[in-house]
Amino acid sequence: MAGWLVAGVATTGAGTFLGWDGFTIQLGNLIVILVMIVLFVLALILPFPGGKRRK
């Protein structure tokens, strides 16, 4: 089952990889991870809409 999934994914290039002492990550994945971290921090910092109004 996994064979057709892998065969169906077409890779056009090798991509750009960054490495530090045996740790390697693709640039696109690093960007996605950094954006997720920024959104998580913003979700913690920004006030929840309507959170200050209590009955």
PDB file of N, CA and C in Angstrom:
ATOM      1  N   MET A   1       0.828  -1.196   0.000  1.00  0.00           N
ATOM      2  CA  MET A   1       0.000   0.000   0.000  1.00  0.00           C
ATOM      3  C   MET A   1       0.867   1.252   0.000  1.00  0.00           C
ATOM      4  N   ALA A   2       1.923   1.251   0.770  1.00  0.00           N
ATOM      5  CA  ALA A   2       2.769   2.438   0.840  1.00  0.00           C
ATOM      6  C   ALA A   2       3.582   2.612  -0.438  1.00  0.00           C
ATOM      7  N   GLY A   3       3.761   1.546  -1.208  1.00  0.00           N
ATOM      8  CA  GLY A   3       4.545   1.633  -2.435  1.00  0.00           C
ATOM      9  C   GLY A   3       3.937   2.551  -3.466  1.00  0.00           C
ATOM     10  N   TRP A   4       2.616   2.495  -3.645  1.00  0.00           N
ATOM     11  CA  TRP A   4       1.981   3.376  -4.622  1.00  0.00           C
ATOM     12  C   TRP A   4       1.976   4.814  -4.129  1.00  0.00           C
ATOM     13  N   LEU A   5       1.941   5.014  -2.808  1.00  0.00           N
ATOM     14  CA  LEU A   5       1.963   6.365  -2.265  1.00  0.00           C
ATOM     15  C   LEU A   5       3.316   7.017  -2.528  1.00  0.00           C
ATOM     16  N   VAL A   6       4.367   6.278  -2.310  1.00  0.00           N
ATOM     17  CA  VAL A   6       5.706   6.802  -2.552  1.00  0.00           C
ATOM     18  C   VAL A   6       5.928   6.995  -4.042  1.00  0.00           C
ATOM     19  N   ALA A   7       5.430   6.082  -4.851  1.00  0.00           N
ATOM     20  CA  ALA A   7       5.621   6.173  -6.296  1.00  0.00           C
ATOM     21  C   ALA A   7       4.814   7.331  -6.876  1.00  0.00           C
ATOM     22  N   GLY A   8       3.725   7.712  -6.231  1.00  0.00           N
ATOM     23  CA  GLY A   8       2.883   8.785  -6.734  1.00  0.00           C
ATOM     24  C   GLY A   8       3.433  10.173  -6.442  1.00  0.00           C
ATOM     25  N   VAL A   9       4.413  10.273  -5.585  1.00  0.00           N
ATOM     26  CA  VAL A   9       4.993  11.564  -5.239  1.00  0.00           C
ATOM     27  C   VAL A   9       6.150  11.839  -6.189  1.00  0.00           C
ATOM     28  N   ALA A  10       6.025  12.900  -6.957  1.00  0.00           N
ATOM     29  CA  ALA A  10       7.078  13.240  -7.911  1.00  0.00           C
ATOM     30  C   ALA A  10       7.997  14.290  -7.309  1.00  0.00           C
ATOM     31  N   THR A  11       9.278  14.024  -7.303  1.00  0.00           N
ATOM     32  CA  THR A  11      10.241  14.994  -6.812  1.00  0.00           C
ATOM     33  C   THR A  11      10.958  15.600  -8.009  1.00  0.00           C
ATOM     34  N   THR A  12      10.948  16.912  -8.076  1.00  0.00           N
ATOM     35  CA  THR A  12      11.567  17.581  -9.209  1.00  0.00           C
ATOM     36  C   THR A  12      13.011  17.956  -8.921  1.00  0.00           C
ATOM     37  N   GLY A  13      13.368  18.077  -7.670  1.00  0.00           N
ATOM     38  CA  GLY A  13      14.740  18.459  -7.340  1.00  0.00           C
ATOM     39  C   GLY A  13      15.108  17.955  -5.962  1.00  0.00           C
ATOM     40  N   ALA A  14      16.346  18.143  -5.628  1.00  0.00           N
ATOM     41  CA  ALA A  14      16.827  17.646  -4.345  1.00  0.00           C
ATOM     42  C   ALA A  14      16.426  18.565  -3.201  1.00  0.00           C
ATOM     43  N   GLY A  15      16.184  19.836  -3.467  1.00  0.00           N
ATOM     44  CA  GLY A  15      15.836  20.771  -2.412  1.00  0.00           C
ATOM     45  C   GLY A  15      17.080  21.343  -1.763  1.00  0.00           C
ATOM     46  N   THR A  16      16.848  22.248  -0.826  1.00  0.00           N
ATOM     47  CA  THR A  16      17.949  22.877  -0.105  1.00  0.00           C
ATOM     48  C   THR A  16      17.962  22.345   1.316  1.00  0.00           C
ATOM     49  N   PHE A  17      19.075  21.795   1.725  1.00  0.00           N
ATOM     50  CA  PHE A  17      19.202  21.224   3.051  1.00  0.00           C
ATOM     51  C   PHE A  17      20.213  22.014   3.856  1.00  0.00           C
ATOM     52  N   LEU A  18      19.918  22.170   5.140  1.00  0.00           N
ATOM     53  CA  LEU A  18      20.824  22.827   6.064  1.00  0.00           C
ATOM     54  C   LEU A  18      21.284  21.802   7.082  1.00  0.00           C
ATOM     55  N   GLY A  19      22.535  21.860   7.477  1.00  0.00           N
ATOM     56  CA  GLY A  19      23.039  20.870   8.417  1.00  0.00           C
ATOM     57  C   GLY A  19      23.958  21.479   9.455  1.00  0.00           C
ATOM     58  N   TRP A  20      23.862  20.925  10.678  1.00  0.00           N
ATOM     59  CA  TRP A  20      24.718  21.321  11.778  1.00  0.00           C
ATOM     60  C   TRP A  20      25.141  20.062  12.515  1.00  0.00           C
ATOM     61  N   ASP A  21      26.397  19.672  12.406  1.00  0.00           N
ATOM     62  CA  ASP A  21      26.965  18.529  13.153  1.00  0.00           C
ATOM     63  C   ASP A  21      26.075  17.287  13.124  1.00  0.00           C
ATOM     64  N   GLY A  22      25.728  16.812  11.967  1.00  0.00           N
ATOM     65  CA  GLY A  22      24.945  15.589  11.856  1.00  0.00           C
ATOM     66  C   GLY A  22      23.447  15.803  11.840  1.00  0.00           C
ATOM     67  N   PHE A  23      22.985  17.008  12.109  1.00  0.00           N
ATOM     68  CA  PHE A  23      21.551  17.333  12.055  1.00  0.00           C
ATOM     69  C   PHE A  23      21.276  18.000  10.727  1.00  0.00           C
ATOM     70  N   THR A  24      20.374  17.425   9.932  1.00  0.00           N
ATOM     71  CA  THR A  24      20.056  17.956   8.607  1.00  0.00           C
ATOM     72  C   THR A  24      18.556  18.176   8.504  1.00  0.00           C
ATOM     73  N   ILE A  25      18.163  19.329   7.962  1.00  0.00           N
ATOM     74  CA  ILE A  25      16.744  19.636   7.778  1.00  0.00           C
ATOM     75  C   ILE A  25      16.580  20.376   6.458  1.00  0.00           C
ATOM     76  N   GLN A  26      15.478  20.115   5.796  1.00  0.00           N
ATOM     77  CA  GLN A  26      15.190  20.799   4.547  1.00  0.00           C
ATOM     78  C   GLN A  26      14.706  22.212   4.855  1.00  0.00           C
ATOM     79  N   LEU A  27      15.083  23.159   4.027  1.00  0.00           N
ATOM     80  CA  LEU A  27      14.760  24.563   4.259  1.00  0.00           C
ATOM     81  C   LEU A  27      13.251  24.786   4.339  1.00  0.00           C
ATOM     82  N   GLY A  28      12.489  24.147   3.485  1.00  0.00           N
ATOM     83  CA  GLY A  28      11.029  24.302   3.516  1.00  0.00           C
ATOM     84  C   GLY A  28      10.428  23.820   4.824  1.00  0.00           C
ATOM     85  N   ASN A  29      10.924  22.697   5.346  1.00  0.00           N
ATOM     86  CA  ASN A  29      10.436  22.192   6.630  1.00  0.00           C
ATOM     87  C   ASN A  29      10.818  23.125   7.762  1.00  0.00           C
ATOM     88  N   LEU A  30      12.015  23.690   7.707  1.00  0.00           N
ATOM     89  CA  LEU A  30      12.453  24.620   8.743  1.00  0.00           C
ATOM     90  C   LEU A  30      11.570  25.860   8.765  1.00  0.00           C
ATOM     91  N   ILE A  31      11.201  26.356   7.593  1.00  0.00           N
ATOM     92  CA  ILE A  31      10.320  27.529   7.525  1.00  0.00           C
ATOM     93  C   ILE A  31       8.955  27.216   8.119  1.00  0.00           C
ATOM     94  N   VAL A  32       8.407  26.051   7.807  1.00  0.00           N
ATOM     95  CA  VAL A  32       7.102  25.654   8.341  1.00  0.00           C
ATOM     96  C   VAL A  32       7.164  25.544   9.864  1.00  0.00           C
ATOM     97  N   ILE A  33       8.217  24.956  10.393  1.00  0.00           N
ATOM     98  CA  ILE A  33       8.364  24.816  11.845  1.00  0.00           C
ATOM     99  C   ILE A  33       8.470  26.182  12.507  1.00  0.00           C
ATOM    100  N   LEU A  34       9.251  27.084  11.923  1.00  0.00           N
ATOM    101  CA  LEU A  34       9.396  28.424  12.505  1.00  0.00           C
ATOM    102  C   LEU A  34       8.078  29.197  12.484  1.00  0.00           C
ATOM    103  N   VAL A  35       7.306  29.083  11.406  1.00  0.00           N
ATOM    104  CA  VAL A  35       6.003  29.750  11.341  1.00  0.00           C
ATOM    105  C   VAL A  35       5.062  29.180  12.390  1.00  0.00           C
ATOM    106  N   MET A  36       5.082  27.870  12.591  1.00  0.00           N
ATOM    107  CA  MET A  36       4.230  27.260  13.613  1.00  0.00           C
ATOM    108  C   MET A  36       4.606  27.744  15.013  1.00  0.00           C
ATOM    109  N   ILE A  37       5.903  27.890  15.282  1.00  0.00           N
ATOM    110  CA  ILE A  37       6.347  28.377  16.590  1.00  0.00           C
ATOM    111  C   ILE A  37       5.905  29.823  16.794  1.00  0.00           C
ATOM    112  N   VAL A  38       6.038  30.655  15.758  1.00  0.00           N
ATOM    113  CA  VAL A  38       5.607  32.048  15.865  1.00  0.00           C
ATOM    114  C   VAL A  38       4.112  32.136  16.125  1.00  0.00           C
ATOM    115  N   LEU A  39       3.311  31.347  15.418  1.00  0.00           N
ATOM    116  CA  LEU A  39       1.859  31.352  15.638  1.00  0.00           C
ATOM    117  C   LEU A  39       1.505  30.876  17.037  1.00  0.00           C
ATOM    118  N   PHE A  40       2.230  29.888  17.550  1.00  0.00           N
ATOM    119  CA  PHE A  40       1.975  29.395  18.897  1.00  0.00           C
ATOM    120  C   PHE A  40       2.272  30.471  19.930  1.00  0.00           C
ATOM    121  N   VAL A  41       3.389  31.172  19.771  1.00  0.00           N
ATOM    122  CA  VAL A  41       3.749  32.238  20.714  1.00  0.00           C
ATOM    123  C   VAL A  41       2.736  33.377  20.631  1.00  0.00           C
ATOM    124  N   LEU A  42       2.307  33.735  19.430  1.00  0.00           N
ATOM    125  CA  LEU A  42       1.289  34.773  19.291  1.00  0.00           C
ATOM    126  C   LEU A  42      -0.027  34.366  19.938  1.00  0.00           C
ATOM    127  N   ALA A  43      -0.380  33.094  19.848  1.00  0.00           N
ATOM    128  CA  ALA A  43      -1.617  32.617  20.471  1.00  0.00           C
ATOM    129  C   ALA A  43      -1.530  32.709  21.988  1.00  0.00           C
ATOM    130  N   LEU A  44      -0.346  32.571  22.537  1.00  0.00           N
ATOM    131  CA  LEU A  44      -0.183  32.708  23.985  1.00  0.00           C
ATOM    132  C   LEU A  44      -0.193  34.167  24.425  1.00  0.00           C
ATOM    133  N   ILE A  45       0.343  35.057  23.598  1.00  0.00           N
ATOM    134  CA  ILE A  45       0.507  36.457  23.985  1.00  0.00           C
ATOM    135  C   ILE A  45      -0.745  37.280  23.723  1.00  0.00           C
ATOM    136  N   LEU A  46      -1.341  37.116  22.547  1.00  0.00           N
ATOM    137  CA  LEU A  46      -2.488  37.937  22.176  1.00  0.00           C
ATOM    138  C   LEU A  46      -3.703  37.599  23.034  1.00  0.00           C
ATOM    139  N   PRO A  47      -4.469  38.629  23.420  1.00  0.00           N
ATOM    140  CA  PRO A  47      -5.653  38.362  24.255  1.00  0.00           C
ATOM    141  C   PRO A  47      -6.748  37.659  23.457  1.00  0.00           C
ATOM    142  N   PHE A  48      -7.480  36.833  24.146  1.00  0.00           N
ATOM    143  CA  PHE A  48      -8.604  36.133  23.531  1.00  0.00           C
ATOM    144  C   PHE A  48      -9.731  37.128  23.305  1.00  0.00           C
ATOM    145  N   PRO A  49     -10.366  37.144  22.125  1.00  0.00           N
ATOM    146  CA  PRO A  49     -11.440  38.116  21.872  1.00  0.00           C
ATOM    147  C   PRO A  49     -12.605  37.944  22.849  1.00  0.00           C
ATOM    148  N   GLY A  50     -12.957  39.011  23.513  1.00  0.00           N
ATOM    149  CA  GLY A  50     -14.072  38.979  24.453  1.00  0.00           C
ATOM    150  C   GLY A  50     -13.724  38.331  25.779  1.00  0.00           C
ATOM    151  N   GLY A  51     -12.462  38.101  26.052  1.00  0.00           N
ATOM    152  CA  GLY A  51     -12.054  37.427  27.270  1.00  0.00           C
ATOM    153  C   GLY A  51     -12.137  38.296  28.512  1.00  0.00           C
ATOM    154  N   LYS A  52     -12.139  39.621  28.323  1.00  0.00           N
ATOM    155  CA  LYS A  52     -12.167  40.522  29.488  1.00  0.00           C
ATOM    156  C   LYS A  52     -13.587  40.814  29.962  1.00  0.00           C
ATOM    157  N   ARG A  53     -14.587  40.494  29.159  1.00  0.00           N
ATOM    158  CA  ARG A  53     -15.980  40.729  29.568  1.00  0.00           C
ATOM    159  C   ARG A  53     -16.504  39.510  30.276  1.00  0.00           C
ATOM    160  N   ARG A  54     -16.773  39.652  31.543  1.00  0.00           N
ATOM    161  CA  ARG A  54     -17.365  38.540  32.301  1.00  0.00           C
ATOM    162  C   ARG A  54     -18.644  39.011  32.947  1.00  0.00           C
ATOM    163  N   LYS A  55     -19.588  38.120  33.008  1.00  0.00           N
ATOM    164  CA  LYS A  55     -20.883  38.474  33.598  1.00  0.00           C
ATOM    165  C   LYS A  55     -20.906  38.169  35.076  1.00  0.00           C
TER     166      LYS A  55
END
